[in-house]
C-alpha atoms as a PDB file:
ATOM      1  CA  MET A   1     -32.414  -1.059 -43.160  1.00  0.00           C
ATOM      2  CA  GLU A   2     -35.732  -2.385 -44.556  1.00  0.00           C
ATOM      3  CA  GLY A   3     -37.047  -4.902 -47.009  1.00  0.00           C
ATOM      4  CA  GLY A   4     -40.251  -5.392 -48.831  1.00  0.00           C
ATOM      5  CA  GLY A   5     -41.826  -8.619 -50.256  1.00  0.00           C
ATOM      6  CA  GLY A   6     -44.341 -11.045 -48.899  1.00  0.00           C
ATOM      7  CA  GLY A   7     -43.816 -13.493 -46.330  1.00  0.00           C
ATOM      8  CA  LYS A   8     -43.431 -12.544 -42.610  1.00  0.00           C
ATOM      9  CA  HIS A   9     -42.375  -9.245 -41.310  1.00  0.00           C
ATOM     10  CA  PHE A  10     -39.554  -9.457 -38.692  1.00  0.00           C
ATOM     11  CA  ILE A  11     -38.511  -6.350 -36.733  1.00  0.00           C
ATOM     12  CA  LEU A  12     -35.186  -6.730 -35.153  1.00  0.00           C
ATOM     13  CA  VAL A  13     -33.874  -4.772 -32.044  1.00  0.00           C
ATOM     14  CA  HIS A  14     -30.391  -4.445 -31.005  1.00  0.00           C
ATOM     15  CA  GLY A  15     -28.934  -4.376 -27.460  1.00  0.00           C
ATOM     16  CA  LEU A  16     -26.944  -1.945 -25.400  1.00  0.00           C
ATOM     17  CA  SER A  17     -24.460   0.465 -27.276  1.00  0.00           C
ATOM     18  CA  HIS A  18     -25.170  -1.511 -30.595  1.00  0.00           C
ATOM     19  CA  GLY A  19     -27.293  -0.587 -33.527  1.00  0.00           C
ATOM     20  CA  ALA A  20     -29.313  -1.951 -36.528  1.00  0.00           C
ATOM     21  CA  TRP A  21     -25.892  -2.767 -38.175  1.00  0.00           C
ATOM     22  CA  CYS A  22     -25.479  -5.975 -35.832  1.00  0.00           C
ATOM     23  CA  TRP A  23     -28.326  -7.564 -37.898  1.00  0.00           C
ATOM     24  CA  TYR A  24     -26.866  -7.436 -41.437  1.00  0.00           C
ATOM     25  CA  LYS A  25     -26.245 -11.312 -41.766  1.00  0.00           C
ATOM     26  CA  VAL A  26     -29.807 -12.240 -40.418  1.00  0.00           C
ATOM     27  CA  VAL A  27     -31.548  -9.401 -42.552  1.00  0.00           C
ATOM     28  CA  ALA A  28     -29.834 -10.840 -45.757  1.00  0.00           C
ATOM     29  CA  ARG A  29     -30.920 -14.336 -44.848  1.00  0.00           C
ATOM     30  CA  LEU A  30     -34.341 -13.556 -44.103  1.00  0.00           C
ATOM     31  CA  ARG A  31     -34.881 -11.569 -47.275  1.00  0.00           C
ATOM     32  CA  ALA A  32     -33.119 -14.348 -49.354  1.00  0.00           C
ATOM     33  CA  ALA A  33     -35.900 -16.653 -47.778  1.00  0.00           C
ATOM     34  CA  GLY A  34     -38.716 -14.270 -48.940  1.00  0.00           C
ATOM     35  CA  HIS A  35     -39.499 -12.408 -45.748  1.00  0.00           C
ATOM     36  CA  ARG A  36     -39.507  -8.836 -44.776  1.00  0.00           C
ATOM     37  CA  ALA A  37     -36.919  -7.781 -42.247  1.00  0.00           C
ATOM     38  CA  THR A  38     -36.443  -4.416 -40.589  1.00  0.00           C
ATOM     39  CA  ALA A  39     -33.625  -3.809 -38.544  1.00  0.00           C
ATOM     40  CA  LEU A  40     -33.869  -0.585 -36.447  1.00  0.00           C
ATOM     41  CA  ASP A  41     -31.630   1.920 -34.580  1.00  0.00           C
ATOM     42  CA  MET A  42     -33.037   2.711 -31.294  1.00  0.00           C
ATOM     43  CA  ALA A  43     -32.428   6.515 -30.409  1.00  0.00           C
ATOM     44  CA  ALA A  44     -28.753   7.658 -30.184  1.00  0.00           C
ATOM     45  CA  SER A  45     -27.864   4.085 -31.452  1.00  0.00           C
ATOM     46  CA  GLY A  46     -26.384   3.203 -34.808  1.00  0.00           C
ATOM     47  CA  VAL A  47     -26.721   5.901 -37.131  1.00  0.00           C
ATOM     48  CA  HIS A  48     -29.779   7.476 -35.387  1.00  0.00           C
ATOM     49  CA  PRO A  49     -28.883  11.278 -35.141  1.00  0.00           C
ATOM     50  CA  ALA A  50     -29.465  11.835 -31.448  1.00  0.00           C
ATOM     51  CA  ARG A  51     -26.884  11.817 -28.780  1.00  0.00           C
ATOM     52  CA  LEU A  52     -27.514   9.928 -25.643  1.00  0.00           C
ATOM     53  CA  HIS A  53     -27.758  12.760 -23.462  1.00  0.00           C
ATOM     54  CA  GLU A  54     -30.529  14.219 -25.471  1.00  0.00           C
ATOM     55  CA  VAL A  55     -32.827  11.139 -25.249  1.00  0.00           C
ATOM     56  CA  ALA A  56     -35.067  12.007 -22.247  1.00  0.00           C
ATOM     57  CA  SER A  57     -36.308   8.434 -21.366  1.00  0.00           C
ATOM     58  CA  PHE A  58     -36.490   4.923 -22.117  1.00  0.00           C
ATOM     59  CA  GLU A  59     -39.682   5.618 -24.040  1.00  0.00           C
ATOM     60  CA  GLU A  60     -37.942   8.011 -26.126  1.00  0.00           C
ATOM     61  CA  TYR A  61     -35.171   5.560 -26.484  1.00  0.00           C
ATOM     62  CA  SER A  62     -37.651   3.064 -27.770  1.00  0.00           C
ATOM     63  CA  ARG A  63     -39.571   5.538 -29.981  1.00  0.00           C
ATOM     64  CA  PRO A  64     -38.208   4.145 -33.314  1.00  0.00           C
ATOM     65  CA  LEU A  65     -39.653   0.515 -32.423  1.00  0.00           C
ATOM     66  CA  LEU A  66     -42.823   1.939 -31.164  1.00  0.00           C
ATOM     67  CA  ASP A  67     -43.341   4.211 -34.151  1.00  0.00           C
ATOM     68  CA  ALA A  68     -42.664   1.309 -36.520  1.00  0.00           C
ATOM     69  CA  VAL A  69     -45.114  -1.071 -34.961  1.00  0.00           C
ATOM     70  CA  ALA A  70     -47.788   1.745 -34.881  1.00  0.00           C
ATOM     71  CA  ALA A  71     -47.142   2.355 -38.400  1.00  0.00           C
ATOM     72  CA  ALA A  72     -47.560  -1.311 -39.615  1.00  0.00           C
ATOM     73  CA  PRO A  73     -50.860  -1.956 -41.724  1.00  0.00           C
ATOM     74  CA  GLY A  74     -53.845  -3.482 -39.650  1.00  0.00           C
ATOM     75  CA  GLY A  75     -53.527  -6.852 -41.212  1.00  0.00           C
ATOM     76  CA  GLU A  76     -49.845  -7.303 -40.773  1.00  0.00           C
ATOM     77  CA  ARG A  77     -48.717  -9.370 -37.731  1.00  0.00           C
ATOM     78  CA  LEU A  78     -45.104  -8.571 -36.774  1.00  0.00           C
ATOM     79  CA  VAL A  79     -42.471 -10.883 -35.185  1.00  0.00           C
ATOM     80  CA  LEU A  80     -40.519  -8.685 -32.981  1.00  0.00           C
ATOM     81  CA  VAL A  81     -36.970  -9.865 -32.058  1.00  0.00           C
ATOM     82  CA  GLY A  82     -35.134  -8.218 -29.142  1.00  0.00           C
ATOM     83  CA  HIS A  83     -31.450  -9.000 -28.490  1.00  0.00           C
ATOM     84  CA  SER A  84     -30.006  -8.562 -24.849  1.00  0.00           C
ATOM     85  CA  LEU A  85     -31.324  -4.979 -23.675  1.00  0.00           C
ATOM     86  CA  GLY A  86     -33.582  -4.953 -26.732  1.00  0.00           C
ATOM     87  CA  GLY A  87     -35.936  -7.527 -25.006  1.00  0.00           C
ATOM     88  CA  LEU A  88     -37.109  -4.539 -22.962  1.00  0.00           C
ATOM     89  CA  ASN A  89     -38.012  -2.327 -25.979  1.00  0.00           C
ATOM     90  CA  VAL A  90     -39.904  -5.181 -27.483  1.00  0.00           C
ATOM     91  CA  ALA A  91     -41.713  -5.746 -24.147  1.00  0.00           C
ATOM     92  CA  LEU A  92     -42.767  -2.077 -24.181  1.00  0.00           C
ATOM     93  CA  ALA A  93     -44.025  -2.579 -27.827  1.00  0.00           C
ATOM     94  CA  MET A  94     -45.971  -5.617 -26.872  1.00  0.00           C
ATOM     95  CA  GLU A  95     -47.752  -3.821 -23.967  1.00  0.00           C
ATOM     96  CA  ARG A  96     -48.765  -0.904 -26.196  1.00  0.00           C
ATOM     97  CA  PHE A  97     -49.706  -2.840 -29.426  1.00  0.00           C
ATOM     98  CA  PRO A  98     -50.473  -6.406 -28.408  1.00  0.00           C
ATOM     99  CA  SER A  99     -52.692  -7.198 -31.466  1.00  0.00           C
ATOM    100  CA  LYS A 100     -50.076  -6.354 -33.948  1.00  0.00           C
ATOM    101  CA  VAL A 101     -47.604  -8.821 -32.600  1.00  0.00           C
ATOM    102  CA  ALA A 102     -47.826 -12.394 -33.719  1.00  0.00           C
ATOM    103  CA  ALA A 103     -44.736 -13.344 -31.514  1.00  0.00           C
ATOM    104  CA  ALA A 104     -42.050 -11.917 -29.640  1.00  0.00           C
ATOM    105  CA  VAL A 105     -38.621 -13.462 -29.573  1.00  0.00           C
ATOM    106  CA  PHE A 106     -36.135 -12.731 -26.857  1.00  0.00           C
ATOM    107  CA  LEU A 107     -32.648 -13.666 -27.972  1.00  0.00           C
ATOM    108  CA  ALA A 108     -30.364 -13.953 -24.963  1.00  0.00           C
ATOM    109  CA  ALA A 109     -32.533 -11.007 -23.892  1.00  0.00           C
ATOM    110  CA  SER A 110     -33.917  -9.156 -20.974  1.00  0.00           C
ATOM    111  CA  MET A 111     -37.375 -10.553 -20.711  1.00  0.00           C
ATOM    112  CA  PRO A 112     -39.550  -9.058 -18.005  1.00  0.00           C
ATOM    113  CA  ARG A 113     -42.661 -10.503 -16.445  1.00  0.00           C
ATOM    114  CA  ALA A 114     -46.289  -8.930 -16.093  1.00  0.00           C
ATOM    115  CA  GLY A 115     -46.610  -7.326 -12.525  1.00  0.00           C
ATOM    116  CA  SER A 116     -43.017  -6.612 -12.193  1.00  0.00           C
ATOM    117  CA  HIS A 117     -40.844  -3.559 -12.960  1.00  0.00           C
ATOM    118  CA  MET A 118     -38.787  -3.936 -16.207  1.00  0.00           C
ATOM    119  CA  GLY A 119     -35.549  -3.060 -14.446  1.00  0.00           C
ATOM    120  CA  ILE A 120     -35.759  -6.167 -12.279  1.00  0.00           C
ATOM    121  CA  THR A 121     -34.126  -8.137 -15.139  1.00  0.00           C
ATOM    122  CA  ILE A 122     -31.053  -5.941 -15.086  1.00  0.00           C
ATOM    123  CA  GLU A 123     -31.082  -5.866 -11.412  1.00  0.00           C
ATOM    124  CA  GLU A 124     -31.019  -9.819 -11.510  1.00  0.00           C
ATOM    125  CA  PHE A 125     -28.009  -9.904 -14.001  1.00  0.00           C
ATOM    126  CA  MET A 126     -26.154  -7.388 -11.898  1.00  0.00           C
ATOM    127  CA  ARG A 127     -26.332  -9.501  -8.815  1.00  0.00           C
ATOM    128  CA  THR A 128     -25.199 -12.655 -10.462  1.00  0.00           C
ATOM    129  CA  VAL A 129     -22.141 -11.282 -12.103  1.00  0.00           C
ATOM    130  CA  LYS A 130     -18.752 -11.575 -10.629  1.00  0.00           C
ATOM    131  CA  PRO A 131     -16.485  -8.445  -9.605  1.00  0.00           C
ATOM    132  CA  GLY A 132     -14.319  -7.478 -12.562  1.00  0.00           C
ATOM    133  CA  PHE A 133     -16.864  -8.874 -15.006  1.00  0.00           C
ATOM    134  CA  PHE A 134     -16.929  -5.679 -17.090  1.00  0.00           C
ATOM    135  CA  MET A 135     -13.128  -5.730 -17.722  1.00  0.00           C
ATOM    136  CA  ASP A 136     -12.150  -2.656 -19.507  1.00  0.00           C
ATOM    137  CA  SER A 137     -15.556  -1.221 -20.123  1.00  0.00           C
ATOM    138  CA  LYS A 138     -16.248   2.268 -18.994  1.00  0.00           C
ATOM    139  CA  THR A 139     -19.125   3.803 -16.948  1.00  0.00           C
ATOM    140  CA  MET A 140     -19.664   7.397 -17.119  1.00  0.00           C
ATOM    141  CA  VAL A 141     -22.314   9.745 -15.810  1.00  0.00           C
ATOM    142  CA  LEU A 142     -24.023  12.106 -18.375  1.00  0.00           C
ATOM    143  CA  ASN A 143     -25.652  15.370 -17.406  1.00  0.00           C
ATOM    144  CA  THR A 144     -29.226  15.300 -18.839  1.00  0.00           C
ATOM    145  CA  GLU A 145     -32.256  17.589 -18.490  1.00  0.00           C
ATOM    146  CA  GLN A 146     -33.764  14.782 -16.274  1.00  0.00           C
ATOM    147  CA  GLY A 147     -30.723  14.615 -14.080  1.00  0.00           C
ATOM    148  CA  PRO A 148     -27.696  12.538 -13.997  1.00  0.00           C
ATOM    149  CA  ARG A 149     -27.782   9.170 -16.029  1.00  0.00           C
ATOM    150  CA  THR A 150     -25.469   6.299 -15.984  1.00  0.00           C
ATOM    151  CA  ALA A 151     -23.824   5.496 -19.430  1.00  0.00           C
ATOM    152  CA  PHE A 152     -21.795   2.654 -20.506  1.00  0.00           C
ATOM    153  CA  LEU A 153     -19.238   1.847 -23.228  1.00  0.00           C
ATOM    154  CA  PHE A 154     -18.005  -1.747 -23.749  1.00  0.00           C
ATOM    155  CA  GLY A 155     -14.307  -2.177 -23.697  1.00  0.00           C
ATOM    156  CA  PRO A 156     -12.526  -4.026 -26.385  1.00  0.00           C
ATOM    157  CA  ASN A 157     -11.325  -6.744 -24.120  1.00  0.00           C
ATOM    158  CA  LEU A 158     -14.672  -7.450 -22.804  1.00  0.00           C
ATOM    159  CA  LEU A 159     -16.114  -7.443 -26.305  1.00  0.00           C
ATOM    160  CA  ALA A 160     -13.585 -10.121 -27.330  1.00  0.00           C
ATOM    161  CA  ALA A 161     -13.742 -12.291 -24.289  1.00  0.00           C
ATOM    162  CA  LYS A 162     -17.381 -12.260 -23.539  1.00  0.00           C
ATOM    163  CA  LEU A 163     -19.614 -11.066 -26.176  1.00  0.00           C
ATOM    164  CA  TYR A 164     -17.802 -11.767 -29.659  1.00  0.00           C
ATOM    165  CA  ASP A 165     -15.788 -14.737 -28.489  1.00  0.00           C
ATOM    166  CA  GLN A 166     -17.382 -17.206 -30.950  1.00  0.00           C
ATOM    167  CA  SER A 167     -17.890 -14.645 -33.896  1.00  0.00           C
ATOM    168  CA  PRO A 168     -15.798 -13.926 -36.615  1.00  0.00           C
ATOM    169  CA  ALA A 169     -12.762 -11.695 -35.872  1.00  0.00           C
ATOM    170  CA  GLU A 170     -13.998  -9.030 -38.688  1.00  0.00           C
ATOM    171  CA  ASP A 171     -17.226  -8.515 -36.724  1.00  0.00           C
ATOM    172  CA  LEU A 172     -15.526  -7.804 -33.474  1.00  0.00           C
ATOM    173  CA  GLU A 173     -13.542  -5.280 -35.334  1.00  0.00           C
ATOM    174  CA  LEU A 174     -16.865  -3.931 -37.059  1.00  0.00           C
ATOM    175  CA  ALA A 175     -18.196  -3.520 -33.516  1.00  0.00           C
ATOM    176  CA  LYS A 176     -15.035  -1.515 -32.131  1.00  0.00           C
ATOM    177  CA  LEU A 177     -15.743   0.849 -35.080  1.00  0.00           C
ATOM    178  CA  LEU A 178     -19.485   1.273 -34.587  1.00  0.00           C
ATOM    179  CA  LEU A 179     -20.276   1.032 -30.888  1.00  0.00           C
ATOM    180  CA  ARG A 180     -21.656   4.096 -29.168  1.00  0.00           C
ATOM    181  CA  PRO A 181     -22.187   4.872 -25.498  1.00  0.00           C
ATOM    182  CA  GLY A 182     -25.277   3.220 -24.274  1.00  0.00           C
ATOM    183  CA  SER A 183     -27.619   3.432 -21.291  1.00  0.00           C
ATOM    184  CA  GLN A 184     -30.073   0.913 -19.426  1.00  0.00           C
ATOM    185  CA  PHE A 185     -32.019   3.779 -18.193  1.00  0.00           C
ATOM    186  CA  MET A 186     -32.272   2.615 -14.800  1.00  0.00           C
ATOM    187  CA  GLU A 187     -32.860   5.878 -13.334  1.00  0.00           C
ATOM    188  CA  ASP A 188     -36.072   6.269 -15.599  1.00  0.00           C
ATOM    189  CA  PRO A 189     -39.189   5.985 -13.545  1.00  0.00           C
ATOM    190  CA  MET A 190     -40.564   3.545 -16.375  1.00  0.00           C
ATOM    191  CA  MET A 191     -37.901   1.047 -15.262  1.00  0.00           C
ATOM    192  CA  LYS A 192     -39.270   0.998 -11.688  1.00  0.00           C
ATOM    193  CA  ASP A 193     -43.170   0.836 -12.598  1.00  0.00           C
ATOM    194  CA  GLU A 194     -44.606  -2.468 -11.533  1.00  0.00           C
ATOM    195  CA  THR A 195     -48.013  -1.524 -13.230  1.00  0.00           C
ATOM    196  CA  LEU A 196     -46.302  -0.926 -16.682  1.00  0.00           C
ATOM    197  CA  LEU A 197     -46.560  -4.577 -17.989  1.00  0.00           C
ATOM    198  CA  THR A 198     -50.158  -6.167 -17.811  1.00  0.00           C
ATOM    199  CA  ASP A 199     -51.376  -9.708 -18.306  1.00  0.00           C
ATOM    200  CA  GLY A 200     -53.845  -8.266 -20.729  1.00  0.00           C
ATOM    201  CA  ASN A 201     -51.363  -6.728 -23.083  1.00  0.00           C
ATOM    202  CA  TYR A 202     -47.879  -7.955 -22.531  1.00  0.00           C
ATOM    203  CA  GLY A 203     -49.019 -11.237 -21.217  1.00  0.00           C
ATOM    204  CA  SER A 204     -51.302 -11.975 -24.129  1.00  0.00           C
ATOM    205  CA  VAL A 205     -48.531 -12.180 -26.912  1.00  0.00           C
ATOM    206  CA  LYS A 206     -46.655 -15.326 -27.714  1.00  0.00           C
ATOM    207  CA  ARG A 207     -43.163 -15.177 -26.242  1.00  0.00           C
ATOM    208  CA  VAL A 208     -40.281 -17.364 -27.372  1.00  0.00           C
ATOM    209  CA  PHE A 209     -36.978 -17.129 -25.496  1.00  0.00           C
ATOM    210  CA  VAL A 210     -33.840 -18.266 -27.614  1.00  0.00           C
ATOM    211  CA  ILE A 211     -30.984 -19.457 -25.681  1.00  0.00           C
ATOM    212  CA  ALA A 212     -27.463 -18.731 -27.072  1.00  0.00           C
ATOM    213  CA  LYS A 213     -25.846 -21.831 -25.555  1.00  0.00           C
ATOM    214  CA  ALA A 214     -22.144 -20.591 -25.656  1.00  0.00           C
ATOM    215  CA  ASP A 215     -22.849 -17.095 -24.363  1.00  0.00           C
ATOM    216  CA  SER A 216     -20.076 -16.075 -22.175  1.00  0.00           C
ATOM    217  CA  SER A 217     -21.611 -12.947 -20.648  1.00  0.00           C
ATOM    218  CA  SER A 218     -25.184 -13.974 -19.979  1.00  0.00           C
ATOM    219  CA  THR A 219     -24.483 -17.570 -19.483  1.00  0.00           C
ATOM    220  CA  GLU A 220     -27.003 -20.584 -20.517  1.00  0.00           C
ATOM    221  CA  GLU A 221     -27.569 -20.954 -16.677  1.00  0.00           C
ATOM    222  CA  MET A 222     -28.542 -17.058 -16.407  1.00  0.00           C
ATOM    223  CA  GLN A 223     -30.715 -17.264 -19.567  1.00  0.00           C
ATOM    224  CA  ARG A 224     -32.506 -20.393 -18.240  1.00  0.00           C
ATOM    225  CA  ARG A 225     -33.191 -18.452 -14.985  1.00  0.00           C
ATOM    226  CA  ILE A 226     -34.644 -15.672 -16.920  1.00  0.00           C
ATOM    227  CA  VAL A 227     -37.158 -18.011 -18.417  1.00  0.00           C
ATOM    228  CA  ASP A 228     -37.888 -19.503 -15.043  1.00  0.00           C
ATOM    229  CA  LEU A 229     -38.528 -15.880 -13.758  1.00  0.00           C
ATOM    230  CA  SER A 230     -40.997 -15.089 -16.492  1.00  0.00           C
ATOM    231  CA  PRO A 231     -43.200 -18.103 -16.944  1.00  0.00           C
ATOM    232  CA  GLY A 232     -45.095 -18.806 -20.302  1.00  0.00           C
ATOM    233  CA  ALA A 233     -42.298 -18.362 -22.706  1.00  0.00           C
ATOM    234  CA  GLU A 234     -41.328 -21.308 -25.114  1.00  0.00           C
ATOM    235  CA  VAL A 235     -37.690 -22.010 -25.435  1.00  0.00           C
ATOM    236  CA  GLU A 236     -35.469 -22.548 -28.397  1.00  0.00           C
ATOM    237  CA  GLU A 237     -31.678 -23.140 -28.232  1.00  0.00           C
ATOM    238  CA  ILE A 238     -28.747 -22.318 -30.687  1.00  0.00           C
ATOM    239  CA  ALA A 239     -25.715 -24.353 -29.925  1.00  0.00           C
ATOM    240  CA  GLY A 240     -22.307 -22.551 -30.332  1.00  0.00           C
ATOM    241  CA  ALA A 241     -23.803 -19.191 -30.240  1.00  0.00           C
ATOM    242  CA  ASP A 242     -22.049 -16.490 -28.200  1.00  0.00           C
ATOM    243  CA  HIS A 243     -23.711 -13.450 -26.943  1.00  0.00           C
ATOM    244  CA  MET A 244     -23.973 -11.952 -30.567  1.00  0.00           C
ATOM    245  CA  ALA A 245     -25.838 -15.002 -31.950  1.00  0.00           C
ATOM    246  CA  MET A 246     -26.886 -12.953 -35.033  1.00  0.00           C
ATOM    247  CA  LEU A 247     -23.124 -12.760 -35.893  1.00  0.00           C
ATOM    248  CA  SER A 248     -21.866 -16.157 -34.702  1.00  0.00           C
ATOM    249  CA  LYS A 249     -24.733 -18.319 -35.880  1.00  0.00           C
ATOM    250  CA  PRO A 250     -26.886 -16.273 -38.363  1.00  0.00           C
ATOM    251  CA  THR A 251     -28.078 -19.169 -40.432  1.00  0.00           C
ATOM    252  CA  GLU A 252     -29.220 -21.110 -37.391  1.00  0.00           C
ATOM    253  CA  LEU A 253     -30.830 -17.979 -35.926  1.00  0.00           C
ATOM    254  CA  CYS A 254     -32.658 -17.321 -39.278  1.00  0.00           C
ATOM    255  CA  ASP A 255     -33.948 -20.961 -39.217  1.00  0.00           C
ATOM    256  CA  VAL A 256     -35.382 -20.450 -35.667  1.00  0.00           C
ATOM    257  CA  LEU A 257     -36.998 -17.106 -36.403  1.00  0.00           C
ATOM    258  CA  VAL A 258     -38.655 -18.423 -39.628  1.00  0.00           C
ATOM    259  CA  LYS A 259     -39.777 -21.654 -37.589  1.00  0.00           C
ATOM    260  CA  ILE A 260     -41.326 -19.381 -34.923  1.00  0.00           C
ATOM    261  CA  ALA A 261     -43.089 -17.090 -37.417  1.00  0.00           C
ATOM    262  CA  ASN A 262     -44.539 -19.986 -39.158  1.00  0.00           C
ATOM    263  CA  LYS A 263     -45.928 -21.378 -35.923  1.00  0.00           C
ATOM    264  CA  TYR A 264     -47.608 -18.188 -34.679  1.00  0.00           C
ATOM    265  CA  ASN A 265     -48.721 -16.397 -37.925  1.00  0.00           C
END
């Protein structure tokens, strides 16, 4: 899902089990405002042809983003936007290609810090959620060539109660039709590597954390803790946004993204 034209170039990265499809409202608004917008499927997500057990690593899962950033023309500075788990894909791209990224936006997202392992963001979240949080979601173990891997599928009750609770009912139904099993790749050595993200690369890129203020899964308090644990990010807020801010508050999110792009390009 890509658009041409002048203006800024936004690359949008979905979260766990989702795909490029979840950005459809924001892509339309950004293009209408004269900007380029590319929503990507990570490997084995959305309509990407791979199946999850075939994706060898978090790096391979991130490959569509890494390839898109690598292919961007030299003079084009990108605004990378990661939602939820997508913050970690964006962090990896920042580390690899810091000069190509004008700004990185973390939307209710995992935002790691230089000198710590990326998986710590997920470990922090798991420590703070209450028993029964995942409701009717399912965890499964996939057999891969790299060994067993934990996969996850959101349950419809969890989606309705904690992710899409402020979003239109149609978008919840769309998600139920399109979601695929996902993985946080916590078994991957990359997630445990404390030397992966450096101050010189990852730490040199402007970061903005966008708080979804009505998020019932990653609460406002939890999101502010992410910001506190990874100092140096600016903060924007979207009132009334649930976890799927791109669906519940697309116009407000678009306004925030354009504001960020104008500031840092």
